[in-house]
Amino acid sequence: MRKLRWGIAIVALGLWIWLSALGVPYITFSKNWPLLLVALGIHIIVRRVRKIARKRRRSARVIISDLEGGRIDAEEAIVEIKKEERKR
């Protein structure tokens, strides 16, 4: 979650700096370098969201696999799924 916040902060900072420099009618690197911060922030956010989604899918797969394999019953599967949801 910390990385997600950093990503959002970097995007916000980059956008703020970039938008404050938009008063010039032409585009130069010196005016638009904050786009690098925006791109870095977006990259961090996307990477973190994908990691969270992958973890969530993996947990669900394990629970379903255990249920299908007969290692747990439906009641236990429901309890496990609720536990996983509370962790997030």
N, C-alpha and C. Protein backbone atom coordinates (compact mmCIF):
# COMPACT_ATOMS: atom_id res chain seq x y z
N MET A 1 0.83 -1.19 0.00
CA MET A 1 0.00 0.00 0.00
C MET A 1 0.87 1.26 0.00
N ARG A 2 2.05 1.16 0.64
CA ARG A 2 2.93 2.31 0.71
C ARG A 2 3.41 2.73 -0.69
N LYS A 3 3.74 1.72 -1.53
CA LYS A 3 4.20 2.01 -2.88
C LYS A 3 3.09 2.65 -3.70
N LEU A 4 1.86 2.23 -3.46
CA LEU A 4 0.73 2.82 -4.18
C LEU A 4 0.61 4.31 -3.83
N ARG A 5 0.77 4.62 -2.57
CA ARG A 5 0.70 6.03 -2.15
C ARG A 5 1.83 6.85 -2.77
N TRP A 6 3.04 6.27 -2.83
CA TRP A 6 4.16 6.96 -3.44
C TRP A 6 3.89 7.20 -4.92
N GLY A 7 3.32 6.22 -5.58
CA GLY A 7 2.99 6.38 -6.99
C GLY A 7 1.99 7.50 -7.22
N ILE A 8 0.97 7.53 -6.40
CA ILE A 8 -0.04 8.60 -6.51
C ILE A 8 0.59 9.96 -6.21
N ALA A 9 1.46 10.02 -5.22
CA ALA A 9 2.11 11.28 -4.87
C ALA A 9 3.01 11.78 -6.01
N ILE A 10 3.75 10.86 -6.62
CA ILE A 10 4.63 11.26 -7.72
C ILE A 10 3.80 11.76 -8.91
N VAL A 11 2.71 11.06 -9.22
CA VAL A 11 1.84 11.50 -10.31
C VAL A 11 1.27 12.89 -10.01
N ALA A 12 0.77 13.08 -8.81
CA ALA A 12 0.19 14.37 -8.44
C ALA A 12 1.24 15.48 -8.51
N LEU A 13 2.43 15.23 -8.02
CA LEU A 13 3.49 16.23 -8.07
C LEU A 13 3.86 16.55 -9.51
N GLY A 14 4.03 15.53 -10.32
CA GLY A 14 4.37 15.75 -11.72
C GLY A 14 3.31 16.53 -12.46
N LEU A 15 2.05 16.17 -12.26
CA LEU A 15 0.96 16.89 -12.92
C LEU A 15 0.89 18.35 -12.47
N TRP A 16 1.09 18.56 -11.20
CA TRP A 16 1.04 19.93 -10.67
C TRP A 16 2.14 20.79 -11.28
N ILE A 17 3.35 20.26 -11.31
CA ILE A 17 4.47 21.01 -11.90
C ILE A 17 4.24 21.24 -13.39
N TRP A 18 3.80 20.21 -14.09
CA TRP A 18 3.59 20.32 -15.53
C TRP A 18 2.49 21.33 -15.85
N LEU A 19 1.36 21.23 -15.14
CA LEU A 19 0.26 22.15 -15.40
C LEU A 19 0.63 23.60 -15.07
N SER A 20 1.47 23.81 -14.08
CA SER A 20 1.89 25.17 -13.74
C SER A 20 2.79 25.78 -14.82
N ALA A 21 3.41 24.92 -15.63
CA ALA A 21 4.30 25.41 -16.69
C ALA A 21 3.61 25.52 -18.05
N LEU A 22 2.33 25.25 -18.15
CA LEU A 22 1.65 25.22 -19.44
C LEU A 22 1.29 26.60 -20.01
N GLY A 23 1.67 27.66 -19.39
CA GLY A 23 1.35 28.99 -19.88
C GLY A 23 2.11 29.36 -21.15
N VAL A 24 3.09 28.59 -21.56
CA VAL A 24 3.91 28.88 -22.74
C VAL A 24 3.28 28.20 -23.96
N PRO A 25 3.19 28.89 -25.11
CA PRO A 25 2.51 28.32 -26.28
C PRO A 25 3.30 27.23 -27.02
N TYR A 26 4.52 26.95 -26.67
CA TYR A 26 5.28 25.88 -27.30
C TYR A 26 5.77 24.87 -26.25
N ILE A 27 6.12 23.72 -26.69
CA ILE A 27 6.53 22.65 -25.77
C ILE A 27 8.05 22.51 -25.80
N THR A 28 8.67 22.57 -24.64
CA THR A 28 10.11 22.34 -24.52
C THR A 28 10.35 21.36 -23.40
N PHE A 29 11.50 20.71 -23.44
CA PHE A 29 11.82 19.74 -22.39
C PHE A 29 11.88 20.42 -21.03
N SER A 30 12.43 21.62 -21.01
CA SER A 30 12.56 22.31 -19.72
C SER A 30 11.20 22.59 -19.08
N LYS A 31 10.18 22.69 -19.91
CA LYS A 31 8.83 22.91 -19.37
C LYS A 31 8.10 21.60 -19.08
N ASN A 32 8.42 20.54 -19.81
CA ASN A 32 7.66 19.30 -19.71
C ASN A 32 8.41 18.15 -19.04
N TRP A 33 9.55 18.41 -18.40
CA TRP A 33 10.27 17.34 -17.74
C TRP A 33 9.46 16.66 -16.65
N PRO A 34 8.49 17.34 -16.03
CA PRO A 34 7.69 16.64 -15.02
C PRO A 34 6.91 15.45 -15.56
N LEU A 35 6.75 15.37 -16.88
CA LEU A 35 6.09 14.20 -17.45
C LEU A 35 6.84 12.92 -17.10
N LEU A 36 8.15 13.04 -16.90
CA LEU A 36 8.93 11.87 -16.47
C LEU A 36 8.46 11.40 -15.09
N LEU A 37 8.18 12.35 -14.20
CA LEU A 37 7.65 11.99 -12.88
C LEU A 37 6.28 11.34 -12.99
N VAL A 38 5.45 11.88 -13.87
CA VAL A 38 4.11 11.32 -14.09
C VAL A 38 4.23 9.89 -14.60
N ALA A 39 5.10 9.68 -15.57
CA ALA A 39 5.28 8.33 -16.12
C ALA A 39 5.79 7.36 -15.06
N LEU A 40 6.74 7.81 -14.25
CA LEU A 40 7.27 6.96 -13.18
C LEU A 40 6.17 6.62 -12.17
N GLY A 41 5.38 7.60 -11.81
CA GLY A 41 4.28 7.36 -10.87
C GLY A 41 3.25 6.39 -11.42
N ILE A 42 2.90 6.55 -12.68
CA ILE A 42 1.94 5.63 -13.31
C ILE A 42 2.51 4.22 -13.34
N HIS A 43 3.78 4.11 -13.65
CA HIS A 43 4.43 2.80 -13.66
C HIS A 43 4.36 2.13 -12.29
N ILE A 44 4.65 2.88 -11.25
CA ILE A 44 4.60 2.35 -9.88
C ILE A 44 3.18 1.91 -9.52
N ILE A 45 2.20 2.73 -9.86
CA ILE A 45 0.80 2.40 -9.55
C ILE A 45 0.37 1.13 -10.28
N VAL A 46 0.65 1.06 -11.57
CA VAL A 46 0.23 -0.11 -12.36
C VAL A 46 0.90 -1.37 -11.84
N ARG A 47 2.19 -1.28 -11.54
CA ARG A 47 2.90 -2.45 -11.02
C ARG A 47 2.30 -2.93 -9.70
N ARG A 48 1.97 -2.00 -8.83
CA ARG A 48 1.40 -2.35 -7.52
C ARG A 48 0.01 -2.96 -7.66
N VAL A 49 -0.82 -2.36 -8.50
CA VAL A 49 -2.19 -2.87 -8.70
C VAL A 49 -2.13 -4.29 -9.28
N ARG A 50 -1.24 -4.53 -10.23
CA ARG A 50 -1.09 -5.87 -10.79
C ARG A 50 -0.65 -6.87 -9.75
N LYS A 51 0.27 -6.45 -8.88
CA LYS A 51 0.75 -7.35 -7.82
C LYS A 51 -0.39 -7.71 -6.87
N ILE A 52 -1.20 -6.74 -6.50
CA ILE A 52 -2.34 -6.99 -5.61
C ILE A 52 -3.33 -7.94 -6.28
N ALA A 53 -3.62 -7.70 -7.56
CA ALA A 53 -4.57 -8.55 -8.29
C ALA A 53 -4.05 -9.98 -8.41
N ARG A 54 -2.75 -10.12 -8.68
CA ARG A 54 -2.15 -11.45 -8.79
C ARG A 54 -2.24 -12.20 -7.46
N LYS A 55 -1.98 -11.49 -6.36
CA LYS A 55 -2.04 -12.11 -5.03
C LYS A 55 -3.47 -12.54 -4.72
N ARG A 56 -4.43 -11.70 -5.07
CA ARG A 56 -5.84 -12.02 -4.81
C ARG A 56 -6.26 -13.26 -5.61
N ARG A 57 -5.88 -13.33 -6.88
CA ARG A 57 -6.24 -14.48 -7.72
C ARG A 57 -5.59 -15.75 -7.20
N ARG A 58 -4.32 -15.65 -6.78
CA ARG A 58 -3.61 -16.80 -6.29
C ARG A 58 -4.29 -17.35 -5.03
N SER A 59 -4.70 -16.49 -4.13
CA SER A 59 -5.36 -16.93 -2.90
C SER A 59 -6.67 -17.63 -3.22
N ALA A 60 -7.44 -17.06 -4.13
CA ALA A 60 -8.72 -17.66 -4.51
C ALA A 60 -8.49 -19.01 -5.17
N ARG A 61 -7.47 -19.11 -6.01
CA ARG A 61 -7.17 -20.38 -6.67
C ARG A 61 -6.83 -21.47 -5.67
N VAL A 62 -6.06 -21.12 -4.65
CA VAL A 62 -5.67 -22.11 -3.64
C VAL A 62 -6.91 -22.59 -2.89
N ILE A 63 -7.77 -21.68 -2.50
CA ILE A 63 -8.98 -22.05 -1.77
C ILE A 63 -9.88 -22.93 -2.65
N ILE A 64 -10.06 -22.55 -3.89
CA ILE A 64 -10.90 -23.34 -4.80
C ILE A 64 -10.28 -24.70 -5.06
N SER A 65 -8.97 -24.73 -5.21
CA SER A 65 -8.28 -26.00 -5.42
C SER A 65 -8.46 -26.92 -4.21
N ASP A 66 -8.33 -26.37 -3.02
CA ASP A 66 -8.55 -27.16 -1.81
C ASP A 66 -9.98 -27.67 -1.73
N LEU A 67 -10.93 -26.83 -2.11
CA LEU A 67 -12.34 -27.21 -2.10
C LEU A 67 -12.60 -28.33 -3.10
N GLU A 68 -12.07 -28.16 -4.32
CA GLU A 68 -12.26 -29.19 -5.34
C GLU A 68 -11.55 -30.48 -5.00
N GLY A 69 -10.42 -30.39 -4.34
CA GLY A 69 -9.65 -31.58 -3.96
C GLY A 69 -10.20 -32.29 -2.73
N GLY A 70 -11.21 -31.71 -2.12
CA GLY A 70 -11.81 -32.33 -0.95
C GLY A 70 -11.04 -32.10 0.34
N ARG A 71 -10.04 -31.22 0.30
CA ARG A 71 -9.25 -30.95 1.50
C ARG A 71 -10.00 -30.07 2.49
N ILE A 72 -10.94 -29.26 1.97
CA ILE A 72 -11.81 -28.45 2.83
C ILE A 72 -13.23 -28.56 2.29
N ASP A 73 -14.21 -28.28 3.17
CA ASP A 73 -15.59 -28.31 2.70
C ASP A 73 -16.04 -26.88 2.36
N ALA A 74 -17.26 -26.73 1.90
CA ALA A 74 -17.78 -25.43 1.45
C ALA A 74 -17.78 -24.40 2.57
N GLU A 75 -18.12 -24.83 3.77
CA GLU A 75 -18.14 -23.90 4.92
C GLU A 75 -16.75 -23.32 5.18
N GLU A 76 -15.75 -24.20 5.17
CA GLU A 76 -14.38 -23.74 5.41
C GLU A 76 -13.91 -22.82 4.28
N ALA A 77 -14.31 -23.12 3.06
CA ALA A 77 -13.93 -22.28 1.93
C ALA A 77 -14.51 -20.87 2.10
N ILE A 78 -15.74 -20.78 2.54
CA ILE A 78 -16.37 -19.48 2.77
C ILE A 78 -15.62 -18.71 3.85
N VAL A 79 -15.27 -19.41 4.93
CA VAL A 79 -14.53 -18.76 6.02
C VAL A 79 -13.18 -18.27 5.52
N GLU A 80 -12.48 -19.08 4.74
CA GLU A 80 -11.17 -18.69 4.20
C GLU A 80 -11.28 -17.48 3.27
N ILE A 81 -12.28 -17.49 2.42
CA ILE A 81 -12.47 -16.36 1.50
C ILE A 81 -12.75 -15.08 2.28
N LYS A 82 -13.57 -15.17 3.31
CA LYS A 82 -13.87 -13.99 4.13
C LYS A 82 -12.62 -13.50 4.85
N LYS A 83 -11.77 -14.43 5.31
CA LYS A 83 -10.51 -14.05 5.96
C LYS A 83 -9.62 -13.30 4.98
N GLU A 84 -9.53 -13.79 3.75
CA GLU A 84 -8.71 -13.14 2.73
C GLU A 84 -9.22 -11.74 2.43
N GLU A 85 -10.53 -11.58 2.38
CA GLU A 85 -11.11 -10.26 2.12
C GLU A 85 -10.82 -9.28 3.24
N ARG A 86 -10.83 -9.76 4.49
CA ARG A 86 -10.55 -8.88 5.63
C ARG A 86 -9.10 -8.42 5.64
N LYS A 87 -8.19 -9.25 5.09
CA LYS A 87 -6.77 -8.89 5.05
C LYS A 87 -6.53 -7.70 4.15
N ARG A 88 -7.39 -7.49 3.17
CA ARG A 88 -7.18 -6.42 2.19
C ARG A 88 -7.76 -5.16 2.67
